[in-house]
Amino acid sequence: MEGSSAFMLILRANALGAWRRWVALKDQSWMLLGLVFVFLCGYVLLAFSMFQFGLRFLQRFPGLGGLLVERLLFLLFAFLFGLLLLSNLVISYTNLFRNRETAFLLTAPVPAGTVFQWKLVESTLLASWAFLFLIAPLLAAYGLVNGVAWHFYPAVVVLVGLFIILPGAAGAGLAILLARFLDRRAFQIVLISALLIGLGFLAFRFRPEVVSDEELETRVLAVIDRLLDRTRFSQFPFLPSYWLSSSVQLWAEGAIRAAGFFVLVLLSHSLFFGMLVATRLGNAFYDASSQVHSRGSLLSRWEWFQRWEQRRRRVNPNGFHFRSRGVLDALLAMGGWIPSDVQALVSKDLRVFWRDTTQWGQTLMLFGLLAVYLVNIRHFTRQLDSPFWISVVGYLNLGACALNLATLTTRFVFPQFSLEGRRVWVVGLAPLGLVRVVWLKFWCATMGTMGVTVGLTLVSCTMLKLGAARTVFFCVAIAVMTLVLNSLAVGLGSLYPDFKETNPSKIVSGFGGTLCLVISFAYIAGSVGLLAVGTPWGWGSSGTDEFDAGRAMFVWTLFLLISVLAGWLPLRLGLRRVESVEL
């Protein structure tokens, strides 16, 4: 089959599948569909209003407003380009080398280059939809604030479409490079060394700079210039984000010819590298896929440990030994307080998680972002000189910790039941039963995330110097949210399973995952706002220790009631759905 006809056939099949899934939405609950629609519209309106207010606020600074807006746009697109590159790398690796459809297409009479082209398009769309969802309200608000002409908006749509091609092509190329050489020792050493050098450079380049109060009062322009100097990297002329930012701002100012230059630069690079990757990496993809699927499991590389254990048994036959079934099983069996059926399920889930490179790769990336958050949060302590700002920063920190928790539960906890796949009937026929499996997944996820969220809240509150009473208050609040968000993710994951899909990213991108994210964000926003208004140290108490005890009790009761409904109800519906699953 020729490449072009095969690509159109694959595209048509997937388009028909997407259309049938869209038509099948009419069989879903209209209340749930309405809730998702209201949330999406509410997000767009809220984000548009916030961006519009922020841009107008910045432009009111005399002499500095335009400079600040310009620099913020350069920074935003630069960081979004980096995040898009990471997202495309992770999703491309999963789609190319850990996907059943890809494995099936490689055995079909379809050229490997055609398979790679389709997966390149699919991965780019999957990795970029969140970027488009985020950037659309910002660009709309930017155009309204600057009073742009009508042709600004279609031009921006074209520019953003060209922009996402570059990280998509780069992510696919890096995914093939990693898959091809990741098992080589020299490549691992070079990669780790490059990461360490890069982190060291970033830590040195963006080290905190102490600015005294005297300098702030007497040399404001000099201080602002020093602070803006840290962001000049975003104006590097060879960055694609620089081309996009420059073309957007010049077009908004009416300099169409100057903006056209950057449009042509972005167009030429997108076409060149997009065509280069799409047409020249097909054979490299096939070789990398062969390498990945013929490579031994990472766990098999621990054979040295098994040989060491055998020698230790011969030396000390009566001592404690890891059993031959594996190190992980022996660790779970230590103490004898975990039942054997629970040990088997936990061991299976941990092995599946470890063997999926993209799973723990995304986990490391997420924890890296958390580390960056913790490193930079200490700088807020210099502005905590009034009770109001102490309250604001404290509750914003609670919201940030809760949003990190929602990311964890939606990305890693929600797909757990669906990842049982078509083998779910085996688990259902086992003595453990599907209901106990769901409960076990809930408690394992809760214990794992509880340590992360409570620890993150404790460390961040300590770095913010909020005091012991406030730290305990926020830790209790985040512990309740941890129970609720895990219940929500497990319940909706059981209520809307997708046993046909093996890619967790695609499972999360479905209706159930979107609904889980929507309800999680709504619950976090409502809970943090409720606690901030009516509890001790809230905005309603002016940041003092004097507060209305009756109002605080009412707010906490309402918060717990909302938490029970948001957590218990989805979990109960999910368990009822699992009980009626036909095996």
Protein backbone atom coordinates (compact mmCIF):
# COMPACT_ATOMS: atom_id res chain seq x y z
CA MET A 1 0.00 0.00 0.00
CA GLU A 2 1.34 3.40 -0.92
CA GLY A 3 2.22 5.81 1.85
CA SER A 4 -0.29 8.57 0.98
CA SER A 5 -3.26 6.23 0.54
CA ALA A 6 -2.35 4.35 3.74
CA PHE A 7 -2.13 7.61 5.69
CA MET A 8 -5.52 8.76 4.42
CA LEU A 9 -7.00 5.37 5.32
CA ILE A 10 -5.66 5.61 8.88
CA LEU A 11 -6.83 9.20 9.14
CA ARG A 12 -10.30 8.26 7.91
CA ALA A 13 -10.58 5.34 10.33
CA ASN A 14 -9.60 7.48 13.30
CA ALA A 15 -11.88 10.31 12.20
CA LEU A 16 -14.81 7.87 12.02
CA GLY A 17 -13.90 6.54 15.47
CA ALA A 18 -13.79 10.06 16.88
CA TRP A 19 -17.14 10.89 15.27
CA ARG A 20 -18.76 7.79 16.73
CA ARG A 21 -17.44 8.63 20.18
CA TRP A 22 -18.85 12.11 19.77
CA VAL A 23 -22.25 10.73 18.71
CA ALA A 24 -22.14 8.28 21.64
CA LEU A 25 -22.06 11.22 24.04
CA LYS A 26 -25.83 11.48 23.64
CA ASP A 27 -26.08 8.26 25.64
CA GLN A 28 -24.23 9.84 28.53
CA SER A 29 -25.95 11.65 31.35
CA TRP A 30 -27.08 15.08 30.20
CA MET A 31 -26.43 16.43 33.67
CA LEU A 32 -22.77 15.41 33.47
CA LEU A 33 -22.42 16.77 29.95
CA GLY A 34 -24.00 20.02 31.05
CA LEU A 35 -21.64 20.21 34.01
CA VAL A 36 -18.61 19.81 31.74
CA PHE A 37 -19.97 22.39 29.30
CA VAL A 38 -20.66 24.90 32.07
CA PHE A 39 -17.18 24.38 33.49
CA LEU A 40 -15.52 24.90 30.11
CA CYS A 41 -17.50 28.05 29.42
CA GLY A 42 -16.87 29.27 32.96
CA TYR A 43 -13.15 28.67 32.60
CA VAL A 44 -12.99 30.57 29.32
CA LEU A 45 -14.91 33.54 30.72
CA LEU A 46 -12.99 33.57 34.02
CA ALA A 47 -9.60 33.25 32.33
CA PHE A 48 -10.50 35.95 29.80
CA SER A 49 -11.64 38.30 32.58
CA MET A 50 -8.51 37.68 34.67
CA PHE A 51 -6.17 38.18 31.72
CA GLN A 52 -8.00 41.34 30.71
CA PHE A 53 -7.85 42.74 34.25
CA GLY A 54 -4.15 41.86 34.57
CA LEU A 55 -3.19 43.42 31.25
CA ARG A 56 -5.11 46.61 31.99
CA PHE A 57 -3.53 46.78 35.44
CA LEU A 58 -0.01 46.44 34.04
CA GLN A 59 -0.61 49.04 31.34
CA ARG A 60 -1.54 51.63 33.97
CA PHE A 61 2.08 51.76 35.17
CA PRO A 62 3.45 55.03 33.73
CA GLY A 63 6.34 54.39 31.38
CA LEU A 64 6.66 50.72 32.38
CA GLY A 65 3.32 49.19 31.45
CA GLY A 66 4.15 48.39 27.84
CA LEU A 67 7.58 47.04 28.78
CA LEU A 68 6.13 44.74 31.44
CA VAL A 69 3.43 43.37 29.14
CA GLU A 70 5.96 42.81 26.37
CA ARG A 71 8.38 40.98 28.65
CA LEU A 72 5.61 38.86 30.18
CA LEU A 73 4.50 37.70 26.73
CA PHE A 74 8.06 36.74 25.81
CA LEU A 75 8.43 34.85 29.10
CA LEU A 76 5.09 33.10 28.80
CA PHE A 77 5.67 31.79 25.29
CA ALA A 78 9.25 30.77 26.14
CA PHE A 79 8.15 28.65 29.11
CA LEU A 80 5.18 27.26 27.21
CA PHE A 81 7.52 26.20 24.42
CA GLY A 82 9.65 24.29 26.95
CA LEU A 83 6.57 22.64 28.46
CA LEU A 84 5.26 21.76 25.00
CA LEU A 85 8.61 20.17 24.16
CA LEU A 86 8.52 18.01 27.30
CA SER A 87 4.89 17.08 26.73
CA ASN A 88 5.54 16.10 23.12
CA LEU A 89 8.58 14.05 24.16
CA VAL A 90 6.62 12.05 26.74
CA ILE A 91 3.50 11.54 24.63
CA SER A 92 5.48 10.74 21.46
CA TYR A 93 7.49 8.09 23.28
CA THR A 94 4.28 6.49 24.56
CA ASN A 95 2.50 6.70 21.23
CA LEU A 96 5.41 5.38 19.20
CA PHE A 97 6.76 2.60 21.41
CA ARG A 98 4.13 1.78 24.07
CA ASN A 99 0.97 1.70 22.01
CA ARG A 100 -1.02 -1.29 20.75
CA GLU A 101 -2.23 0.49 17.64
CA THR A 102 1.35 1.28 16.66
CA ALA A 103 2.41 -2.34 17.18
CA PHE A 104 -0.54 -3.52 15.08
CA LEU A 105 0.12 -1.06 12.26
CA LEU A 106 3.78 -2.11 12.07
CA THR A 107 2.67 -5.68 11.35
CA ALA A 108 0.17 -4.53 8.71
CA PRO A 109 1.06 -3.82 5.06
CA VAL A 110 1.64 -0.17 5.91
CA PRO A 111 5.02 1.58 5.49
CA ALA A 112 6.76 2.39 8.77
CA GLY A 113 7.12 5.98 7.64
CA THR A 114 3.34 6.30 7.27
CA VAL A 115 2.79 4.90 10.75
CA PHE A 116 5.28 7.40 12.11
CA GLN A 117 3.60 10.29 10.28
CA TRP A 118 0.21 9.43 11.75
CA LYS A 119 1.59 9.06 15.26
CA LEU A 120 3.44 12.35 14.85
CA VAL A 121 0.18 14.14 14.04
CA GLU A 122 -1.70 12.37 16.83
CA SER A 123 0.98 13.05 19.45
CA THR A 124 1.25 16.72 18.50
CA LEU A 125 -2.51 17.19 18.86
CA LEU A 126 -2.64 15.33 22.19
CA ALA A 127 0.26 17.34 23.59
CA SER A 128 -0.98 20.73 22.36
CA TRP A 129 -4.69 20.85 23.15
CA ALA A 130 -4.08 22.10 26.71
CA PHE A 131 -1.74 24.80 25.37
CA LEU A 132 -4.41 25.98 22.94
CA PHE A 133 -7.03 25.90 25.70
CA LEU A 134 -4.80 28.06 27.90
CA ILE A 135 -3.55 30.55 25.35
CA ALA A 136 -6.86 31.33 23.61
CA PRO A 137 -8.34 33.54 26.42
CA LEU A 138 -5.01 35.34 26.84
CA LEU A 139 -4.70 36.27 23.17
CA ALA A 140 -8.36 37.29 23.03
CA ALA A 141 -7.90 39.54 26.07
CA TYR A 142 -4.66 40.95 24.65
CA GLY A 143 -6.41 41.84 21.42
CA LEU A 144 -9.33 43.49 23.20
CA VAL A 145 -7.12 45.54 25.53
CA ASN A 146 -5.02 46.80 22.61
CA GLY A 147 -7.99 47.46 20.32
CA VAL A 148 -6.65 45.38 17.42
CA ALA A 149 -8.20 45.06 13.98
CA TRP A 150 -10.35 42.06 13.07
CA HIS A 151 -7.60 40.35 11.06
CA PHE A 152 -5.46 39.99 14.20
CA TYR A 153 -7.49 37.00 15.41
CA PRO A 154 -7.30 34.77 12.29
CA ALA A 155 -3.62 35.67 11.99
CA VAL A 156 -3.03 34.53 15.58
CA VAL A 157 -4.80 31.23 14.87
CA VAL A 158 -2.43 30.58 11.97
CA LEU A 159 0.61 31.60 14.03
CA VAL A 160 -0.26 29.30 16.93
CA GLY A 161 -0.90 26.44 14.48
CA LEU A 162 2.56 26.90 13.00
CA PHE A 163 4.13 27.26 16.43
CA ILE A 164 2.95 23.88 17.76
CA ILE A 165 4.55 22.08 14.80
CA LEU A 166 8.10 22.80 16.02
CA PRO A 167 7.86 21.24 19.53
CA GLY A 168 5.89 18.36 18.02
CA ALA A 169 8.63 17.59 15.50
CA ALA A 170 11.39 18.08 18.08
CA GLY A 171 9.60 15.90 20.64
CA ALA A 172 9.17 13.04 18.15
CA GLY A 173 12.83 13.23 17.14
CA LEU A 174 14.01 13.22 20.75
CA ALA A 175 11.71 10.30 21.54
CA ILE A 176 13.31 8.24 18.77
CA LEU A 177 16.77 9.24 19.97
CA LEU A 178 16.00 8.18 23.54
CA ALA A 179 14.43 4.91 22.45
CA ARG A 180 17.37 4.08 20.19
CA PHE A 181 20.23 4.79 22.59
CA LEU A 182 18.76 4.81 26.10
CA ASP A 183 20.22 1.42 27.00
CA ARG A 184 23.76 2.48 26.14
CA ARG A 185 25.94 3.35 29.09
CA ALA A 186 27.74 6.21 27.35
CA PHE A 187 24.45 7.80 26.32
CA GLN A 188 23.11 7.54 29.88
CA ILE A 189 26.24 9.18 31.29
CA VAL A 190 26.11 12.00 28.74
CA LEU A 191 22.38 12.54 29.34
CA ILE A 192 22.69 12.64 33.14
CA SER A 193 25.75 14.90 32.94
CA ALA A 194 23.94 17.29 30.61
CA LEU A 195 20.94 17.42 32.95
CA LEU A 196 23.13 18.12 35.98
CA ILE A 197 25.07 20.82 34.15
CA GLY A 198 21.82 22.39 32.95
CA LEU A 199 20.32 22.38 36.44
CA GLY A 200 23.50 23.89 37.86
CA PHE A 201 23.51 26.62 35.24
CA LEU A 202 19.86 27.44 35.89
CA ALA A 203 20.45 27.53 39.66
CA PHE A 204 23.39 29.89 39.16
CA ARG A 205 21.68 32.03 36.53
CA PHE A 206 18.48 32.49 38.50
CA ARG A 207 19.90 32.63 42.01
CA PRO A 208 17.95 34.97 44.27
CA GLU A 209 19.13 38.55 44.34
CA VAL A 210 18.79 40.51 47.54
CA VAL A 211 17.43 44.01 47.07
CA SER A 212 17.58 46.32 50.08
CA ASP A 213 14.74 48.65 51.06
CA GLU A 214 16.96 51.67 50.45
CA GLU A 215 17.57 50.61 46.85
CA LEU A 216 13.87 50.07 46.28
CA GLU A 217 13.09 53.57 47.46
CA THR A 218 15.92 55.50 45.77
CA ARG A 219 16.75 53.62 42.59
CA VAL A 220 13.54 52.02 41.37
CA LEU A 221 14.46 52.06 37.68
CA ALA A 222 17.87 50.53 38.36
CA VAL A 223 16.32 47.75 40.43
CA ILE A 224 13.68 47.04 37.76
CA ASP A 225 16.40 46.90 35.13
CA ARG A 226 18.32 44.36 37.22
CA LEU A 227 15.19 42.28 37.70
CA LEU A 228 14.26 42.39 34.01
CA ASP A 229 17.79 41.34 33.12
CA ARG A 230 16.93 37.87 34.42
CA THR A 231 14.28 37.53 31.73
CA ARG A 232 16.31 38.58 28.72
CA PHE A 233 16.90 34.95 27.78
CA SER A 234 13.30 34.88 26.50
CA GLN A 235 14.28 37.45 23.84
CA PHE A 236 16.92 35.24 22.24
CA PRO A 237 16.29 35.72 18.50
CA PHE A 238 16.62 32.02 17.60
CA LEU A 239 13.86 30.86 19.94
CA PRO A 240 10.56 29.97 18.19
CA SER A 241 8.74 31.62 21.10
CA TYR A 242 10.51 34.89 20.20
CA TRP A 243 9.19 34.70 16.63
CA LEU A 244 5.64 34.05 17.85
CA SER A 245 5.72 36.78 20.52
CA SER A 246 7.22 39.34 18.16
CA SER A 247 4.73 38.64 15.38
CA VAL A 248 1.76 38.81 17.80
CA GLN A 249 2.85 42.12 19.33
CA LEU A 250 3.82 43.75 16.04
CA TRP A 251 0.55 42.68 14.43
CA ALA A 252 -1.38 44.12 17.39
CA GLU A 253 0.49 47.42 16.98
CA GLY A 254 -0.40 47.60 13.28
CA ALA A 255 3.13 46.94 11.99
CA ILE A 256 1.94 44.31 9.54
CA ARG A 257 5.07 44.24 7.38
CA ALA A 258 7.40 43.82 10.38
CA ALA A 259 5.11 41.12 11.77
CA GLY A 260 5.08 39.41 8.38
CA PHE A 261 8.84 38.92 8.60
CA PHE A 262 8.52 36.88 11.80
CA VAL A 263 5.52 35.05 10.33
CA LEU A 264 7.67 33.96 7.38
CA VAL A 265 10.49 32.95 9.71
CA LEU A 266 8.10 30.80 11.75
CA LEU A 267 6.49 29.40 8.60
CA SER A 268 9.81 28.44 6.98
CA HIS A 269 11.15 26.71 10.09
CA SER A 270 7.88 24.88 10.74
CA LEU A 271 7.63 23.63 7.17
CA PHE A 272 11.30 22.67 6.96
CA PHE A 273 11.63 20.80 10.25
CA GLY A 274 8.09 19.41 10.07
CA MET A 275 8.69 17.98 6.61
CA LEU A 276 12.18 16.78 7.57
CA VAL A 277 10.93 14.84 10.60
CA ALA A 278 7.81 13.50 8.88
CA THR A 279 9.62 12.20 5.77
CA ARG A 280 13.09 11.21 7.01
CA LEU A 281 12.60 9.54 10.40
CA GLY A 282 10.43 6.62 9.32
CA ASN A 283 13.31 4.14 9.10
CA ALA A 284 14.86 5.48 12.31
CA PHE A 285 11.51 4.96 14.04
CA TYR A 286 11.33 1.35 12.83
CA ASP A 287 14.86 0.62 14.05
CA ALA A 288 14.16 2.26 17.41
CA SER A 289 10.92 0.28 17.78
CA SER A 290 12.82 -2.92 17.09
CA GLN A 291 15.38 -1.96 19.71
CA VAL A 292 12.72 -1.17 22.34
CA HIS A 293 10.73 -4.37 21.84
CA SER A 294 13.78 -6.60 21.72
CA ARG A 295 15.32 -4.99 24.79
CA GLY A 296 15.04 -6.85 28.08
CA SER A 297 12.96 -5.56 30.93
CA LEU A 298 14.60 -3.23 33.38
CA LEU A 299 13.81 -5.69 36.14
CA SER A 300 15.86 -8.40 34.43
CA ARG A 301 18.93 -6.24 34.94
CA TRP A 302 18.77 -7.06 38.63
CA GLU A 303 20.08 -10.55 38.01
CA TRP A 304 23.24 -9.57 39.86
CA PHE A 305 21.11 -9.16 42.99
CA GLN A 306 19.66 -12.66 42.58
CA ARG A 307 23.13 -14.14 42.19
CA TRP A 308 24.26 -12.24 45.28
CA GLU A 309 21.25 -13.59 47.19
CA GLN A 310 22.07 -17.15 46.16
CA ARG A 311 25.64 -16.77 47.42
CA ARG A 312 24.35 -15.30 50.70
CA ARG A 313 22.05 -18.26 51.18
CA ARG A 314 24.96 -20.66 50.88
CA VAL A 315 26.94 -18.68 53.47
CA ASN A 316 24.05 -18.13 55.93
CA PRO A 317 21.29 -20.63 55.25
CA ASN A 318 19.36 -19.81 58.45
CA GLY A 319 19.24 -16.00 58.04
CA PHE A 320 16.60 -13.82 56.43
CA HIS A 321 16.50 -14.17 52.65
CA PHE A 322 14.58 -12.55 49.86
CA ARG A 323 12.48 -15.28 48.33
CA SER A 324 13.05 -16.37 44.76
CA ARG A 325 9.81 -14.82 43.62
CA GLY A 326 11.39 -11.36 43.72
CA VAL A 327 12.71 -8.56 45.87
CA LEU A 328 9.47 -6.58 45.78
CA ASP A 329 7.36 -9.53 46.92
CA ALA A 330 9.78 -10.25 49.74
CA LEU A 331 9.63 -6.65 50.94
CA LEU A 332 5.82 -6.69 50.91
CA ALA A 333 5.80 -9.96 52.82
CA MET A 334 8.02 -8.66 55.61
CA GLY A 335 6.17 -8.66 58.92
CA GLY A 336 3.31 -10.77 57.61
CA TRP A 337 0.68 -8.05 58.23
CA ILE A 338 -0.31 -7.68 54.54
CA PRO A 339 -2.59 -10.46 53.22
CA SER A 340 -1.18 -12.49 50.36
CA ASP A 341 -3.89 -11.46 47.87
CA VAL A 342 -3.27 -7.79 48.64
CA GLN A 343 0.48 -8.36 48.25
CA ALA A 344 -0.07 -9.83 44.80
CA LEU A 345 -2.18 -6.91 43.58
CA VAL A 346 0.14 -4.23 44.99
CA SER A 347 3.17 -6.01 43.53
CA LYS A 348 1.48 -6.22 40.15
CA ASP A 349 0.56 -2.52 40.09
CA LEU A 350 4.06 -1.44 41.14
CA ARG A 351 5.67 -3.62 38.48
CA VAL A 352 3.36 -2.26 35.78
CA PHE A 353 4.17 1.28 36.89
CA TRP A 354 7.93 0.64 36.88
CA ARG A 355 7.97 -1.06 33.49
CA ASP A 356 6.12 1.84 31.87
CA THR A 357 8.88 4.36 31.23
CA THR A 358 6.48 7.19 30.53
CA GLN A 359 4.70 6.73 33.87
CA TRP A 360 7.68 7.23 36.13
CA GLY A 361 9.18 9.69 33.67
CA GLN A 362 6.16 11.95 34.09
CA THR A 363 6.33 11.40 37.84
CA LEU A 364 9.91 12.64 37.93
CA MET A 365 8.96 15.66 35.84
CA LEU A 366 6.07 16.49 38.17
CA PHE A 367 8.22 16.18 41.28
CA GLY A 368 10.84 18.31 39.58
CA LEU A 369 8.25 21.07 39.16
CA LEU A 370 7.32 20.67 42.83
CA ALA A 371 10.98 21.05 43.78
CA VAL A 372 11.18 24.27 41.75
CA TYR A 373 8.07 25.52 43.55
CA LEU A 374 9.57 24.80 46.96
CA VAL A 375 12.89 26.40 46.04
CA ASN A 376 11.22 29.63 44.96
CA ILE A 377 8.53 29.89 47.61
CA ARG A 378 10.97 31.18 50.20
CA HIS A 379 11.25 34.46 48.28
CA PHE A 380 7.66 35.33 49.29
CA THR A 381 8.71 35.66 52.92
CA ARG A 382 10.23 39.07 52.19
CA GLN A 383 6.79 40.48 51.34
CA LEU A 384 4.96 38.97 54.34
CA ASP A 385 4.94 42.18 56.36
CA SER A 386 1.16 42.54 56.87
CA PRO A 387 -1.58 40.18 58.14
CA PHE A 388 -3.50 40.53 54.87
CA TRP A 389 -0.64 39.32 52.67
CA ILE A 390 0.16 36.53 55.13
CA SER A 391 -3.41 35.28 54.72
CA VAL A 392 -3.33 35.67 50.94
CA VAL A 393 -0.06 33.80 50.51
CA GLY A 394 -1.11 31.08 52.97
CA TYR A 395 -4.34 30.28 51.15
CA LEU A 396 -2.72 30.59 47.73
CA ASN A 397 -0.16 28.04 48.92
CA LEU A 398 -3.01 25.76 50.02
CA GLY A 399 -4.58 26.12 46.57
CA ALA A 400 -1.26 25.37 44.86
CA CYS A 401 -0.75 22.21 46.95
CA ALA A 402 -4.33 21.11 46.22
CA LEU A 403 -3.90 21.69 42.48
CA ASN A 404 -0.73 19.59 42.52
CA LEU A 405 -2.75 16.90 44.27
CA ALA A 406 -5.48 17.12 41.60
CA THR A 407 -2.81 16.67 38.93
CA LEU A 408 -1.54 13.54 40.67
CA THR A 409 -4.95 11.98 41.17
CA THR A 410 -6.27 12.75 37.69
CA ARG A 411 -3.13 11.64 35.86
CA PHE A 412 -2.11 8.59 37.91
CA VAL A 413 -5.06 7.46 40.06
CA PHE A 414 -7.98 7.85 37.65
CA PRO A 415 -6.65 5.41 34.98
CA GLN A 416 -5.71 2.66 37.48
CA PHE A 417 -8.91 0.62 37.09
CA SER A 418 -8.94 1.05 33.31
CA LEU A 419 -5.35 -0.20 33.09
CA GLU A 420 -6.57 -3.63 34.19
CA GLY A 421 -7.62 -3.85 30.54
CA ARG A 422 -9.41 -6.78 29.04
CA ARG A 423 -7.88 -8.97 31.76
CA VAL A 424 -10.21 -7.43 34.32
CA TRP A 425 -12.32 -10.60 34.31
CA VAL A 426 -9.33 -12.51 35.70
CA VAL A 427 -9.19 -10.13 38.66
CA GLY A 428 -12.96 -10.33 39.01
CA LEU A 429 -12.93 -14.13 39.26
CA ALA A 430 -10.13 -14.10 41.82
CA PRO A 431 -11.02 -14.42 45.53
CA LEU A 432 -10.12 -10.79 46.02
CA GLY A 433 -13.02 -9.54 43.88
CA LEU A 434 -13.38 -6.31 41.92
CA VAL A 435 -14.92 -4.35 44.78
CA ARG A 436 -11.97 -5.05 47.07
CA VAL A 437 -9.63 -4.24 44.17
CA VAL A 438 -11.19 -0.79 43.86
CA TRP A 439 -11.00 -0.24 47.63
CA LEU A 440 -7.37 -1.34 47.64
CA LYS A 441 -6.50 1.03 44.80
CA PHE A 442 -8.18 3.83 46.74
CA TRP A 443 -6.28 3.20 49.97
CA CYS A 444 -2.93 2.71 48.21
CA ALA A 445 -3.39 5.93 46.25
CA THR A 446 -4.53 7.78 49.35
CA MET A 447 -1.56 6.68 51.45
CA GLY A 448 0.89 7.51 48.66
CA THR A 449 -0.52 10.95 47.88
CA MET A 450 -1.16 11.79 51.55
CA GLY A 451 2.55 11.66 52.27
CA VAL A 452 3.29 13.89 49.28
CA THR A 453 0.61 16.53 49.89
CA VAL A 454 0.88 16.79 53.66
CA GLY A 455 4.66 16.84 53.39
CA LEU A 456 4.53 19.52 50.69
CA THR A 457 2.13 21.63 52.77
CA LEU A 458 4.23 21.20 55.90
CA VAL A 459 7.47 22.19 54.16
CA SER A 460 5.92 25.14 52.31
CA CYS A 461 4.22 26.49 55.44
CA THR A 462 7.50 26.19 57.34
CA MET A 463 9.36 28.04 54.59
CA LEU A 464 6.67 30.73 54.61
CA LYS A 465 7.02 31.02 58.43
CA LEU A 466 3.27 30.77 58.98
CA GLY A 467 3.48 29.46 62.54
CA ALA A 468 2.54 26.15 64.14
CA ALA A 469 -1.21 26.76 64.43
CA ARG A 470 -1.60 27.80 60.80
CA THR A 471 0.58 24.92 59.63
CA VAL A 472 -1.63 22.40 61.47
CA PHE A 473 -4.73 24.10 60.06
CA PHE A 474 -3.51 23.87 56.46
CA CYS A 475 -2.24 20.28 56.92
CA VAL A 476 -5.67 19.16 58.17
CA ALA A 477 -7.36 20.91 55.25
CA ILE A 478 -5.07 19.30 52.66
CA ALA A 479 -5.51 15.89 54.31
CA VAL A 480 -9.29 16.15 53.88
CA MET A 481 -8.81 17.23 50.26
CA THR A 482 -6.50 14.26 49.69
CA LEU A 483 -9.22 11.82 50.78
CA VAL A 484 -11.81 13.59 48.64
CA LEU A 485 -9.77 13.87 45.43
CA ASN A 486 -8.62 10.24 45.63
CA SER A 487 -12.20 9.11 46.20
CA LEU A 488 -13.29 11.20 43.24
CA ALA A 489 -10.57 9.84 40.94
CA VAL A 490 -11.09 6.19 41.92
CA GLY A 491 -14.88 6.49 41.77
CA LEU A 492 -15.03 8.16 38.37
CA GLY A 493 -12.27 5.87 37.08
CA SER A 494 -14.46 2.89 38.00
CA LEU A 495 -17.62 4.58 36.71
CA TYR A 496 -16.12 5.44 33.30
CA PRO A 497 -13.51 2.75 32.56
CA ASP A 498 -11.82 2.34 29.19
CA PHE A 499 -10.52 -1.23 29.03
CA LYS A 500 -9.61 -0.96 25.34
CA GLU A 501 -6.96 1.73 25.82
CA THR A 502 -3.52 1.01 27.28
CA ASN A 503 -2.17 4.56 27.15
CA PRO A 504 -2.91 6.37 30.44
CA SER A 505 -2.71 9.77 28.73
CA LYS A 506 -5.53 8.83 26.36
CA ILE A 507 -7.59 7.36 29.20
CA VAL A 508 -7.32 10.65 31.08
CA SER A 509 -8.20 12.60 27.92
CA GLY A 510 -11.58 10.85 27.69
CA PHE A 511 -14.91 11.97 29.10
CA GLY A 512 -14.35 10.49 32.56
CA GLY A 513 -10.90 12.02 32.94
CA THR A 514 -12.16 15.42 31.82
CA LEU A 515 -15.06 15.21 34.26
CA CYS A 516 -12.68 14.22 37.06
CA LEU A 517 -10.47 17.22 36.35
CA VAL A 518 -13.46 19.55 36.13
CA ILE A 519 -14.95 18.45 39.47
CA SER A 520 -11.51 18.44 41.12
CA PHE A 521 -10.83 22.04 40.12
CA ALA A 522 -14.32 23.15 41.09
CA TYR A 523 -14.01 21.46 44.48
CA ILE A 524 -10.58 23.01 45.12
CA ALA A 525 -11.71 26.50 44.11
CA GLY A 526 -14.85 26.29 46.25
CA SER A 527 -13.09 24.77 49.26
CA VAL A 528 -10.15 27.18 49.31
CA GLY A 529 -12.46 30.16 48.82
CA LEU A 530 -14.79 28.94 51.56
CA LEU A 531 -11.96 28.37 54.03
CA ALA A 532 -10.33 31.69 53.16
CA VAL A 533 -13.49 33.67 53.87
CA GLY A 534 -14.84 32.10 57.01
CA THR A 535 -12.07 30.40 58.98
CA PRO A 536 -9.31 31.64 61.29
CA TRP A 537 -6.66 33.76 59.57
CA GLY A 538 -8.99 34.13 56.61
CA TRP A 539 -9.60 37.29 54.66
CA GLY A 540 -12.84 37.78 56.50
CA SER A 541 -10.98 38.02 59.83
CA SER A 542 -8.43 40.58 58.55
CA GLY A 543 -5.61 38.11 59.15
CA THR A 544 -5.82 38.37 62.96
CA ASP A 545 -6.32 35.66 65.51
CA GLU A 546 -9.72 37.10 66.50
CA PHE A 547 -12.53 35.48 64.57
CA ASP A 548 -16.15 34.49 64.88
CA ALA A 549 -16.18 30.96 66.30
CA GLY A 550 -19.73 30.33 65.16
CA ARG A 551 -18.99 31.35 61.61
CA ALA A 552 -15.82 29.26 61.58
CA MET A 553 -17.75 26.20 62.82
CA PHE A 554 -20.41 26.74 60.17
CA VAL A 555 -17.79 27.07 57.41
CA TRP A 556 -15.93 23.94 58.52
CA THR A 557 -19.20 22.00 58.68
CA LEU A 558 -20.09 23.16 55.17
CA PHE A 559 -16.59 22.32 53.95
CA LEU A 560 -16.81 18.79 55.37
CA LEU A 561 -20.30 18.33 53.92
CA ILE A 562 -19.13 19.38 50.45
CA SER A 563 -16.10 17.10 50.83
CA VAL A 564 -18.28 14.11 51.73
CA LEU A 565 -20.56 14.69 48.75
CA ALA A 566 -17.68 15.30 46.32
CA GLY A 567 -15.75 12.23 47.52
CA TRP A 568 -18.20 9.65 48.82
CA LEU A 569 -20.86 9.97 46.11
CA PRO A 570 -18.57 9.26 43.08
CA LEU A 571 -16.84 6.44 44.96
CA ARG A 572 -20.18 4.88 45.87
CA LEU A 573 -21.42 5.12 42.26
CA GLY A 574 -18.16 3.62 41.04
CA LEU A 575 -18.41 0.67 43.45
CA ARG A 576 -21.99 0.06 42.37
CA ARG A 577 -20.85 0.11 38.74
CA VAL A 578 -18.10 -2.39 39.52
CA GLU A 579 -20.53 -4.73 41.28
CA SER A 580 -22.64 -4.94 38.11
CA VAL A 581 -19.74 -5.53 35.68
CA GLU A 582 -20.34 -8.61 33.55
CA LEU A 583 -17.27 -10.86 33.56
